[in-house]
N, C-alpha and C. Protein backbone atom coordinates (compact mmCIF):
# COMPACT_ATOMS: atom_id res chain seq x y z
N MET A 1 23.95 145.62 110.98
CA MET A 1 24.09 146.28 109.75
C MET A 1 25.48 145.77 108.74
N GLN A 2 24.85 145.22 107.73
CA GLN A 2 26.34 144.91 106.88
C GLN A 2 26.74 145.82 106.13
N PRO A 3 28.31 146.02 106.29
CA PRO A 3 28.75 146.77 105.20
C PRO A 3 28.49 146.53 103.64
N MET A 4 27.98 147.12 102.89
CA MET A 4 27.44 147.34 101.41
C MET A 4 28.65 148.13 100.84
N PHE A 5 29.60 148.84 100.90
CA PHE A 5 30.73 149.21 100.38
C PHE A 5 31.83 149.76 100.92
N THR A 6 32.72 150.31 100.22
CA THR A 6 33.87 150.49 100.94
C THR A 6 34.06 152.16 100.75
N ILE A 7 34.72 152.76 101.58
CA ILE A 7 35.15 154.37 101.52
C ILE A 7 35.95 154.27 100.16
N HIS A 8 35.71 155.47 99.26
CA HIS A 8 36.41 155.78 98.30
C HIS A 8 37.83 156.40 98.75
N ALA A 9 38.49 156.65 97.57
CA ALA A 9 39.86 157.46 97.94
C ALA A 9 39.63 158.97 98.43
N GLY A 10 38.65 159.40 97.82
CA GLY A 10 38.37 160.84 98.01
C GLY A 10 37.68 161.12 99.32
N GLU A 11 36.86 160.19 99.71
CA GLU A 11 35.83 160.14 101.02
C GLU A 11 37.28 160.11 102.20
N TYR A 12 37.80 159.18 101.93
CA TYR A 12 39.20 158.90 102.95
C TYR A 12 39.99 160.28 102.87
N LEU A 13 40.42 160.73 101.92
CA LEU A 13 41.26 161.68 102.00
C LEU A 13 40.70 163.18 102.49
N VAL A 14 39.56 163.37 102.25
CA VAL A 14 38.57 164.37 102.92
C VAL A 14 38.55 164.38 104.45
N GLY A 15 37.94 163.24 104.94
CA GLY A 15 37.60 162.73 106.16
C GLY A 15 38.87 162.84 107.03
N SER A 16 40.14 162.29 106.54
CA SER A 16 41.33 162.10 107.46
C SER A 16 41.90 163.89 107.35
N TYR A 17 41.71 164.31 106.37
CA TYR A 17 42.10 166.01 106.52
C TYR A 17 41.55 166.58 107.18
N ILE A 18 39.99 166.54 107.41
CA ILE A 18 39.46 167.26 108.59
C ILE A 18 39.69 166.63 109.71
N GLU A 19 39.70 165.41 110.15
CA GLU A 19 39.60 165.18 111.45
C GLU A 19 41.57 165.57 111.58
N GLU A 20 42.40 165.43 110.98
CA GLU A 20 43.57 166.19 111.47
C GLU A 20 43.59 167.49 111.51
N ARG A 21 43.12 168.27 110.82
CA ARG A 21 42.93 169.69 110.89
C ARG A 21 41.85 170.50 111.68
N PHE A 22 41.03 169.65 112.07
CA PHE A 22 39.89 170.31 112.70
C PHE A 22 39.47 169.28 113.99
N LYS A 23 40.52 169.43 115.05
CA LYS A 23 40.32 168.29 116.21
C LYS A 23 39.19 168.22 116.90
N LYS A 24 38.47 169.12 116.66
CA LYS A 24 37.07 169.20 117.79
C LYS A 24 36.09 168.83 116.96
N CYS A 25 36.04 168.16 115.88
CA CYS A 25 34.88 167.79 114.77
C CYS A 25 35.02 166.34 114.82
N ASN A 26 33.70 165.75 114.53
CA ASN A 26 33.68 164.59 113.98
C ASN A 26 33.45 164.40 112.86
N VAL A 27 33.66 163.10 111.85
CA VAL A 27 33.78 162.55 110.99
C VAL A 27 33.19 161.60 110.62
N TRP A 28 31.73 161.43 109.99
CA TRP A 28 30.76 160.38 110.08
C TRP A 28 30.84 160.06 108.93
N VAL A 29 30.67 158.55 108.35
CA VAL A 29 30.23 157.93 107.22
C VAL A 29 28.65 157.29 106.91
N PRO A 30 27.93 157.88 106.08
CA PRO A 30 26.81 157.43 106.25
C PRO A 30 26.76 155.91 105.85
N SER A 31 25.58 154.99 106.21
CA SER A 31 25.83 153.40 106.02
C SER A 31 24.76 153.44 105.01
N LYS A 32 24.02 154.33 104.09
CA LYS A 32 23.67 154.16 103.00
C LYS A 32 23.80 155.34 101.79
N ASP A 33 23.98 155.00 100.78
CA ASP A 33 24.11 156.21 99.78
C ASP A 33 22.77 157.20 99.66
N THR A 34 22.84 157.89 100.07
CA THR A 34 22.37 159.36 99.93
C THR A 34 22.44 160.39 99.08
N GLY A 35 23.69 160.43 98.66
CA GLY A 35 24.01 161.62 98.14
C GLY A 35 25.24 162.61 98.95
N ILE A 36 25.49 161.76 99.97
CA ILE A 36 26.34 162.28 101.14
C ILE A 36 27.37 161.74 101.28
N ASP A 37 28.56 161.70 101.24
CA ASP A 37 29.55 160.95 101.56
C ASP A 37 30.51 161.22 103.16
N LEU A 38 30.15 162.40 103.50
CA LEU A 38 30.88 162.41 104.70
C LEU A 38 29.72 163.34 105.59
N LEU A 39 29.62 163.38 106.81
CA LEU A 39 28.99 163.84 107.85
C LEU A 39 29.67 164.67 108.59
N VAL A 40 30.31 165.85 108.87
CA VAL A 40 31.06 166.32 109.64
C VAL A 40 30.15 167.03 110.63
N THR A 41 30.47 166.92 112.07
CA THR A 41 29.93 167.64 113.03
C THR A 41 31.00 168.20 114.30
N ASN A 42 30.35 169.42 114.70
CA ASN A 42 31.26 169.88 115.78
C ASN A 42 31.14 169.07 117.07
N SER A 43 32.12 169.08 118.01
CA SER A 43 32.27 168.43 119.26
C SER A 43 30.91 167.54 119.74
N LYS A 44 30.32 168.62 119.97
CA LYS A 44 28.65 168.05 120.62
C LYS A 44 27.78 167.62 119.71
N ASN A 45 27.94 167.27 118.39
CA ASN A 45 27.02 166.88 117.68
C ASN A 45 25.96 167.25 117.18
N SER A 46 25.89 168.90 117.54
CA SER A 46 24.55 169.56 117.56
C SER A 46 24.68 170.41 116.33
N LYS A 47 25.76 170.81 115.55
CA LYS A 47 25.77 171.34 113.96
C LYS A 47 26.45 170.23 113.59
N ALA A 48 25.88 170.20 111.66
CA ALA A 48 26.60 169.41 110.83
C ALA A 48 26.56 170.07 109.43
N VAL A 49 27.46 169.53 108.77
CA VAL A 49 27.73 169.82 107.53
C VAL A 49 27.86 168.59 106.65
N SER A 50 27.22 168.64 105.71
CA SER A 50 27.36 167.38 104.75
C SER A 50 28.39 167.50 103.36
N ILE A 51 28.83 166.30 103.21
CA ILE A 51 29.91 166.69 102.13
C ILE A 51 30.04 165.64 101.12
N GLN A 52 30.00 165.81 99.77
CA GLN A 52 30.20 165.02 98.52
C GLN A 52 31.60 165.17 98.19
N ALA A 53 32.27 164.16 98.26
CA ALA A 53 33.95 163.99 97.99
C ALA A 53 33.94 163.47 96.52
N LYS A 54 34.68 164.23 95.77
CA LYS A 54 35.12 163.73 94.36
C LYS A 54 36.83 163.60 94.02
N PHE A 55 37.42 162.54 93.48
CA PHE A 55 38.41 162.41 93.93
C PHE A 55 39.08 162.36 92.23
N SER A 56 40.06 162.72 91.85
CA SER A 56 40.76 162.78 90.65
C SER A 56 42.27 162.25 91.06
N LYS A 57 42.72 161.56 89.80
CA LYS A 57 44.09 161.04 89.94
C LYS A 57 44.65 162.64 89.31
N ASP A 58 45.81 162.81 89.45
CA ASP A 58 46.79 163.89 88.98
C ASP A 58 47.18 163.90 87.18
N TYR A 59 46.34 164.53 86.57
CA TYR A 59 46.96 164.16 85.23
C TYR A 59 48.21 165.11 84.81
N THR A 60 49.03 165.80 85.74
CA THR A 60 50.11 166.68 85.37
C THR A 60 51.19 165.85 84.57
N VAL A 61 51.61 164.82 85.03
CA VAL A 61 52.54 163.90 84.93
C VAL A 61 52.10 163.12 83.50
N THR A 62 51.16 162.77 83.40
CA THR A 62 50.57 161.96 82.25
C THR A 62 50.14 162.80 80.92
N HIS A 63 49.82 163.71 81.21
CA HIS A 63 48.80 163.97 80.27
C HIS A 63 49.06 165.91 79.75
N MET A 64 49.69 166.45 80.38
CA MET A 64 50.27 167.83 80.47
C MET A 64 51.40 167.69 79.69
N ALA A 65 51.45 169.25 78.91
CA ALA A 65 52.76 169.32 77.71
C ALA A 65 53.85 169.82 79.05
N ALA A 66 55.05 169.59 78.41
CA ALA A 66 56.32 169.69 79.55
C ALA A 66 56.12 171.10 79.97
N VAL A 67 55.83 171.93 78.96
CA VAL A 67 56.17 173.72 79.17
C VAL A 67 55.29 173.83 80.40
N PHE A 68 54.31 173.06 80.56
CA PHE A 68 53.61 173.33 81.64
C PHE A 68 53.74 173.01 83.05
N GLN A 69 54.61 172.09 83.18
CA GLN A 69 54.88 171.21 84.49
C GLN A 69 55.51 171.53 85.44
N GLY A 70 56.07 172.72 85.24
CA GLY A 70 56.65 173.70 86.44
C GLY A 70 55.98 174.35 87.03
N GLN A 71 54.83 174.93 86.64
CA GLN A 71 54.11 175.95 86.94
C GLN A 71 52.73 175.44 87.63
N ILE A 72 52.16 174.17 87.11
CA ILE A 72 51.18 173.60 87.55
C ILE A 72 51.41 172.66 88.60
N LYS A 73 50.81 172.10 89.84
CA LYS A 73 50.71 171.62 90.78
C LYS A 73 49.98 170.45 90.39
N ALA A 74 48.80 170.47 90.19
CA ALA A 74 47.91 169.39 90.15
C ALA A 74 46.71 169.52 89.16
N TRP A 75 46.16 168.71 88.45
CA TRP A 75 45.35 168.82 87.29
C TRP A 75 44.42 167.79 87.74
N GLY A 76 43.09 167.81 88.04
CA GLY A 76 42.10 167.22 87.86
C GLY A 76 41.10 167.02 87.02
N TRP A 77 40.31 165.97 86.63
CA TRP A 77 39.29 165.96 85.63
C TRP A 77 37.94 165.12 86.15
N TRP A 78 37.00 165.73 86.13
CA TRP A 78 35.41 164.87 86.43
C TRP A 78 34.70 165.10 85.44
N THR A 79 33.92 164.23 85.69
CA THR A 79 32.64 164.49 84.77
C THR A 79 31.64 164.60 85.44
N LEU A 80 30.71 165.27 85.35
CA LEU A 80 29.64 165.87 86.50
C LEU A 80 28.47 165.92 85.90
N THR A 81 27.24 165.44 86.52
CA THR A 81 25.91 165.55 86.07
C THR A 81 25.11 166.83 86.50
N GLY A 82 24.72 167.73 85.43
CA GLY A 82 24.45 168.85 86.09
C GLY A 82 23.03 168.35 87.16
N ASP A 83 22.26 167.47 86.63
CA ASP A 83 21.18 167.06 87.57
C ASP A 83 21.45 166.69 89.20
N LYS A 84 22.61 165.98 88.86
CA LYS A 84 22.80 165.55 90.34
C LYS A 84 23.45 166.40 91.23
N ILE A 85 24.35 167.52 90.68
CA ILE A 85 24.54 168.87 91.65
C ILE A 85 23.43 169.65 91.66
N ARG A 86 22.47 170.01 90.77
CA ARG A 86 21.62 170.69 91.30
C ARG A 86 20.37 169.99 92.49
N ARG A 87 20.33 168.78 92.36
CA ARG A 87 19.47 167.91 93.29
C ARG A 87 20.55 167.47 94.70
N SER A 88 21.65 167.76 94.34
CA SER A 88 22.31 167.40 95.65
C SER A 88 22.39 167.80 96.92
N PRO A 89 21.94 167.09 98.05
CA PRO A 89 21.62 167.56 99.62
C PRO A 89 22.88 167.78 99.95
N ALA A 90 24.07 167.73 99.70
CA ALA A 90 25.15 168.10 100.48
C ALA A 90 25.09 169.53 100.77
N ASP A 91 26.04 170.02 101.68
CA ASP A 91 26.35 171.64 101.88
C ASP A 91 27.82 171.72 100.86
N LEU A 92 28.44 170.65 100.81
CA LEU A 92 29.68 170.88 100.32
C LEU A 92 30.02 169.87 99.08
N TRP A 93 30.53 170.52 98.11
CA TRP A 93 31.19 169.32 96.98
C TRP A 93 32.65 169.50 97.57
N VAL A 94 33.53 168.69 97.59
CA VAL A 94 34.92 168.89 97.57
C VAL A 94 35.52 168.26 96.91
N PHE A 95 36.17 168.73 95.89
CA PHE A 95 37.36 168.11 95.21
C PHE A 95 38.35 167.85 95.36
N VAL A 96 39.07 166.19 95.18
CA VAL A 96 40.35 166.40 95.93
C VAL A 96 41.48 165.95 94.92
N MET A 97 42.13 166.55 94.71
CA MET A 97 43.61 166.09 93.81
C MET A 97 44.76 165.89 94.78
N GLN A 98 45.52 164.75 94.44
CA GLN A 98 46.76 164.14 95.22
C GLN A 98 47.30 164.47 93.91
N SER A 99 48.81 165.38 94.46
CA SER A 99 49.80 165.83 93.05
C SER A 99 50.61 164.86 93.40
N PHE A 100 50.92 164.25 92.72
CA PHE A 100 52.25 162.86 92.47
C PHE A 100 53.24 163.64 92.67
N LYS A 101 53.61 164.76 91.62
CA LYS A 101 55.10 165.54 91.68
C LYS A 101 55.13 165.79 92.96
N GLN A 102 54.26 166.84 93.68
CA GLN A 102 54.37 167.45 94.96
C GLN A 102 54.15 166.73 95.83
N LYS A 103 53.51 165.91 95.87
CA LYS A 103 53.35 164.87 97.01
C LYS A 103 52.37 165.80 98.03
N SER A 104 51.33 166.60 97.54
CA SER A 104 50.54 167.33 98.31
C SER A 104 49.02 166.63 98.09
N LEU A 105 48.26 167.14 99.07
CA LEU A 105 46.77 167.27 98.76
C LEU A 105 46.12 168.81 98.42
N GLU A 106 45.34 168.48 97.25
CA GLU A 106 44.74 170.59 96.96
C GLU A 106 43.14 169.72 96.84
N PHE A 107 42.00 170.42 97.63
CA PHE A 107 41.09 170.75 98.00
C PHE A 107 40.24 171.90 97.28
N ILE A 108 39.15 171.51 96.67
CA ILE A 108 38.29 172.78 96.56
C ILE A 108 37.10 172.40 96.85
N ALA A 109 36.63 173.48 97.86
CA ALA A 109 35.59 173.01 98.90
C ALA A 109 34.39 174.04 98.06
N ILE A 110 33.33 173.81 97.48
CA ILE A 110 32.68 174.68 97.27
C ILE A 110 30.76 174.08 96.95
N PRO A 111 30.06 175.18 97.42
CA PRO A 111 28.78 174.57 97.56
C PRO A 111 28.22 174.31 96.31
N PRO A 112 27.23 173.24 96.37
CA PRO A 112 26.52 172.58 94.86
C PRO A 112 26.28 173.63 93.66
N LYS A 113 25.49 174.65 94.46
CA LYS A 113 24.64 175.79 93.96
C LYS A 113 25.59 176.29 92.98
N VAL A 114 26.65 177.18 93.87
CA VAL A 114 27.82 177.75 93.15
C VAL A 114 28.44 177.15 92.30
N LEU A 115 28.74 175.89 92.52
CA LEU A 115 29.34 175.02 91.30
C LEU A 115 28.71 174.87 90.01
N LEU A 116 27.46 174.89 90.15
CA LEU A 116 26.53 174.60 89.00
C LEU A 116 26.28 176.04 88.41
N GLN A 117 26.25 177.18 89.15
CA GLN A 117 26.27 178.49 88.32
C GLN A 117 27.41 178.64 87.54
N ARG A 118 28.60 178.50 88.32
CA ARG A 118 29.56 178.40 87.68
C ARG A 118 29.96 177.85 86.29
N LEU A 119 29.97 176.29 86.69
CA LEU A 119 29.94 175.72 85.23
C LEU A 119 29.16 175.86 84.17
N GLY A 120 27.70 176.60 84.57
CA GLY A 120 26.77 176.88 83.35
C GLY A 120 27.20 178.24 82.66
N LYS A 121 27.73 179.12 83.52
CA LYS A 121 28.73 180.09 83.11
C LYS A 121 29.85 180.15 81.97
N ILE A 122 30.43 178.97 82.21
CA ILE A 122 31.54 178.71 81.44
C ILE A 122 31.02 177.50 80.30
N HIS A 123 30.19 176.86 80.49
CA HIS A 123 30.16 175.79 79.43
C HIS A 123 28.43 175.68 79.26
N GLY A 124 27.91 176.63 79.36
CA GLY A 124 26.45 176.69 79.05
C GLY A 124 25.91 175.92 79.90
N ARG A 125 24.42 175.85 79.88
CA ARG A 125 23.39 174.72 80.80
C ARG A 125 23.40 173.28 79.87
N LYS A 126 24.25 172.43 80.74
CA LYS A 126 24.24 170.89 79.85
C LYS A 126 23.84 169.84 81.02
N GLY A 127 23.38 168.79 80.49
CA GLY A 127 23.43 167.73 81.33
C GLY A 127 24.53 166.73 81.83
N LEU A 128 25.67 167.18 81.45
CA LEU A 128 26.75 166.52 81.34
C LEU A 128 27.88 167.63 81.35
N TYR A 129 28.90 167.76 82.38
CA TYR A 129 30.06 168.78 82.14
C TYR A 129 31.26 167.90 82.41
N GLN A 130 32.17 168.01 81.51
CA GLN A 130 33.41 167.64 81.68
C GLN A 130 34.64 168.67 82.37
N THR A 131 34.70 168.98 83.47
CA THR A 131 35.42 169.66 84.08
C THR A 131 36.83 169.17 84.33
N TYR A 132 38.08 170.24 84.13
CA TYR A 132 39.54 170.06 84.51
C TYR A 132 39.46 171.60 85.50
N LEU A 133 40.32 171.00 86.58
CA LEU A 133 40.51 172.00 87.68
C LEU A 133 42.10 171.89 87.55
N TRP A 134 42.73 172.97 87.74
CA TRP A 134 44.42 173.43 87.63
C TRP A 134 44.60 173.86 88.67
N VAL A 135 45.59 173.39 89.50
CA VAL A 135 46.10 174.25 91.10
C VAL A 135 47.96 174.46 90.42
N THR A 136 47.68 175.92 90.44
CA THR A 136 49.16 176.23 90.15
C THR A 136 50.33 176.60 91.61
N GLU A 137 51.13 176.46 90.91
CA GLU A 137 52.31 176.62 91.91
C GLU A 137 51.99 178.16 92.88
N SER A 138 51.32 178.83 92.36
CA SER A 138 51.18 180.45 93.16
C SER A 138 49.95 180.01 93.56
N LYS A 139 49.30 179.11 93.79
CA LYS A 139 47.95 178.76 94.93
C LYS A 139 46.95 179.28 94.03
N LYS A 140 46.75 179.10 92.67
CA LYS A 140 45.50 179.79 92.13
C LYS A 140 44.76 178.20 91.66
N CYS A 141 43.68 178.48 91.43
CA CYS A 141 42.77 177.08 91.18
C CYS A 141 41.96 177.58 89.96
N TRP A 142 41.99 177.44 88.58
CA TRP A 142 41.27 177.26 87.29
C TRP A 142 40.42 176.29 86.91
N GLU A 143 39.59 176.48 86.03
CA GLU A 143 38.57 175.79 85.51
C GLU A 143 38.92 175.78 84.20
N THR A 144 39.46 175.01 83.48
CA THR A 144 40.67 174.98 82.16
C THR A 144 39.98 174.14 81.09
N ARG A 145 38.71 173.55 81.24
CA ARG A 145 38.23 172.88 79.95
C ARG A 145 37.82 173.78 79.01
N GLY A 146 38.56 173.58 77.74
CA GLY A 146 37.91 174.35 76.48
C GLY A 146 38.62 175.69 76.11
N LEU A 147 39.88 175.68 77.28
CA LEU A 147 40.73 177.09 76.88
C LEU A 147 41.64 176.62 75.71
N ARG A 148 41.91 177.77 75.02
CA ARG A 148 43.09 177.56 73.95
C ARG A 148 44.54 178.01 74.76
N LYS A 149 45.37 176.97 73.95
CA LYS A 149 46.42 177.12 74.60
C LYS A 149 47.16 178.26 74.81
N GLN A 150 47.06 179.34 74.18
CA GLN A 150 47.59 180.61 74.68
C GLN A 150 46.68 181.00 76.43
N ASP A 151 45.41 180.64 76.46
CA ASP A 151 45.05 180.99 77.70
C ASP A 151 45.76 179.99 78.49
N LEU A 152 45.87 179.16 78.52
CA LEU A 152 46.38 178.14 79.22
C LEU A 152 48.13 178.31 79.75
N ALA A 153 48.59 178.93 78.50
CA ALA A 153 50.06 179.44 78.61
C ALA A 153 49.86 180.80 79.96
N LEU A 154 48.72 181.49 79.65
CA LEU A 154 48.65 182.83 80.66
C LEU A 154 48.46 182.11 82.02
N ILE A 155 47.66 181.24 82.04
CA ILE A 155 47.51 180.72 83.66
C ILE A 155 48.49 180.01 84.26
N ALA A 156 49.40 179.12 83.17
CA ALA A 156 50.59 178.57 83.93
C ALA A 156 51.74 179.72 84.53
N ASN A 157 51.60 181.09 83.96
CA ASN A 157 52.58 182.10 84.12
C ASN A 157 51.87 182.97 85.07
N GLY A 158 50.67 182.88 85.42
CA GLY A 158 50.08 183.88 86.49
C GLY A 158 49.77 185.01 86.01
N CYS A 159 49.00 184.79 84.90
CA CYS A 159 48.80 186.34 83.95
C CYS A 159 47.23 186.37 83.37
N TYR A 160 46.45 185.28 83.95
CA TYR A 160 45.06 184.66 83.41
C TYR A 160 44.14 185.38 84.03
N SER A 161 42.88 186.02 83.67
CA SER A 161 42.25 186.65 84.36
C SER A 161 40.79 186.34 83.70
N ASN A 162 39.89 185.69 84.71
CA ASN A 162 38.39 185.12 84.21
C ASN A 162 37.86 184.91 85.87
N ARG A 163 36.94 186.07 85.92
CA ARG A 163 36.11 185.47 87.17
C ARG A 163 35.43 184.20 87.38
N ASP A 164 34.79 183.66 86.23
CA ASP A 164 34.15 182.52 86.52
C ASP A 164 34.87 181.52 86.38
N ARG A 165 36.21 181.31 85.73
CA ARG A 165 36.88 180.16 85.78
C ARG A 165 37.60 180.00 87.05
N ASP A 166 37.93 181.48 88.01
CA ASP A 166 38.76 181.45 89.01
C ASP A 166 38.14 180.54 90.19
N PHE A 167 38.49 179.72 90.47
CA PHE A 167 38.27 178.94 91.61
C PHE A 167 39.04 178.96 92.76
N SER A 168 39.85 179.63 92.68
CA SER A 168 41.01 180.12 93.96
C SER A 168 40.24 180.10 95.34
N THR A 169 39.04 180.81 95.19
CA THR A 169 38.60 181.32 96.48
C THR A 169 37.67 179.92 97.21
N TYR A 170 37.93 178.78 96.49
CA TYR A 170 37.71 177.74 97.11
C TYR A 170 38.74 176.80 97.18
N LEU A 171 39.98 177.07 96.79
CA LEU A 171 41.12 176.55 97.15
C LEU A 171 41.49 176.17 98.45
N ASN A 172 41.74 175.05 98.93
CA ASN A 172 42.27 174.62 100.28
C ASN A 172 41.39 175.69 101.48
N LYS A 173 40.13 176.42 101.46
CA LYS A 173 39.53 177.19 101.85
C LYS A 173 38.48 176.39 102.41
N TRP A 174 38.34 176.52 104.07
CA TRP A 174 37.51 175.51 104.50
C TRP A 174 36.40 176.49 105.63
N THR A 175 36.12 177.64 105.27
CA THR A 175 35.50 178.48 105.87
C THR A 175 34.14 178.29 105.94
N ILE A 176 33.40 177.97 105.09
CA ILE A 176 32.23 177.33 105.01
C ILE A 176 31.78 176.40 106.18
N LEU A 177 32.93 175.05 106.06
CA LEU A 177 32.87 174.15 107.13
C LEU A 177 32.74 175.11 108.30
N LYS A 178 33.79 175.76 108.48
CA LYS A 178 34.01 176.20 110.04
C LYS A 178 32.79 177.35 110.52
N LYS A 179 32.21 178.19 109.40
CA LYS A 179 31.21 178.93 109.80
C LYS A 179 30.05 177.94 110.36
N LYS A 180 29.65 176.89 109.48
CA LYS A 180 28.23 176.13 109.90
C LYS A 180 28.58 175.30 111.02
N LEU A 181 29.61 175.08 111.53
CA LEU A 181 30.04 174.31 112.80
C LEU A 181 30.27 175.27 114.12
N THR A 182 30.46 176.28 114.26
CA THR A 182 30.52 177.37 115.03
C THR A 182 29.27 178.17 115.36
């Protein structure tokens, strides 16, 4: 087998985080591109969870208004194809943001079916989604693409409410991974 690719930053960050936090799990990198970036198994290799990893640089330092910088920990931006999400063989899509200011990692681990439903409710059914995820200092995660400045200010101040845009349930929560591997 010859190496045909290198591991991407998001794949590395997700894999190393899982290895560090879940000592009894094994992390595997597939030898060909199948839409799965990582395979995580229990210690006996009898149960598995497949992961699609998506990395974004942190836009808080370069693109965020100064008024929000104290309240927002990380901001990631992804371009996603609806059809790829729909046909994804992965159990989880994991969005990774590395906060430059905080020097921390933020993960949003969400099943692709749920992700597509949420994006459809927020932006309508599309072929292509531009999505922004903000992580606040108060440990909330919001999809912010297309929001007015007033709504962004509410998010920054911890006063915003919208069930479809609230991704906090999936922020740094690995319950789906744990359930499937036990």
